[in-house]
């Protein structure tokens, strides 16, 4: 009788964020598994469950099942206590349990592909033995670095208005600080764990094919939204938006073409 399949629970978490879950901006992550020594691919681009992104809990509520990739925050305004927070994975969600039919100890590479919106990857390599059951929470957590960043630009006369949308890779929002007026009754406030002061969002504009670069900051104007405007001479311009969370080494990038008539 052949040995039972080895099983490994795998999760994908954003760096300084939550499990890649059901946020509308986040595509379902994919998982591949490859035998490093034989170069045989055992699993190729298998969709991972993204039904929930987990729960942020205070550091005092540590349990064996929390992700060891803590979320660290120092929001102003008393919206949340500064310091580390644990992420409690959702039971049975936000994971993939892979079955591996192995006949000998195997050095396996687990690679998760997420989208920012272009593909980005994270991987880990470890030995797995036949029949091994690695199913305890939080599982093998693959950490996706970066920021999900998109940009749009509009032109009125010779004024170019730039709007960038920046979120964590899990889709969690970046909260305007200091916080605006309280939300209307019955409407939940945005999560306070990713305050806008932690992020630097910059627009870079250059004439198409030119070397001169005009760089200026975009200002957070609302949840996950950064804006700025400037006047340009008629022409075609390359627009780059660079979003950085320096404390966590997270970077997002988006580009567009702007035509000023």
Foldseek 3Di string as FASTA:
>chain_A
DAFFWEKFKEAEAAQLGWTQADAPVWDFKFKWKAFPVVRHTPGDRHTFFRHDGFDWAAPVPDDPQWDPRWHAADFPDPLDHGGTITGHDDVPGRIDMDTHRDDAWTWMKMKMWIPLPNTDIFIDIDIDGGPHYHDGHPTHYTYTFAWNKEKDWDADQQKIKIKMFIDTNSNAKAAEPPHDDDDPPPDDDGRRRHYPVQKWKKKWKDAVVDDDIDIDTFPDDGIRMTMDMDGDDFGKMKIKMWMARPVRRHIHIYIDMDGND
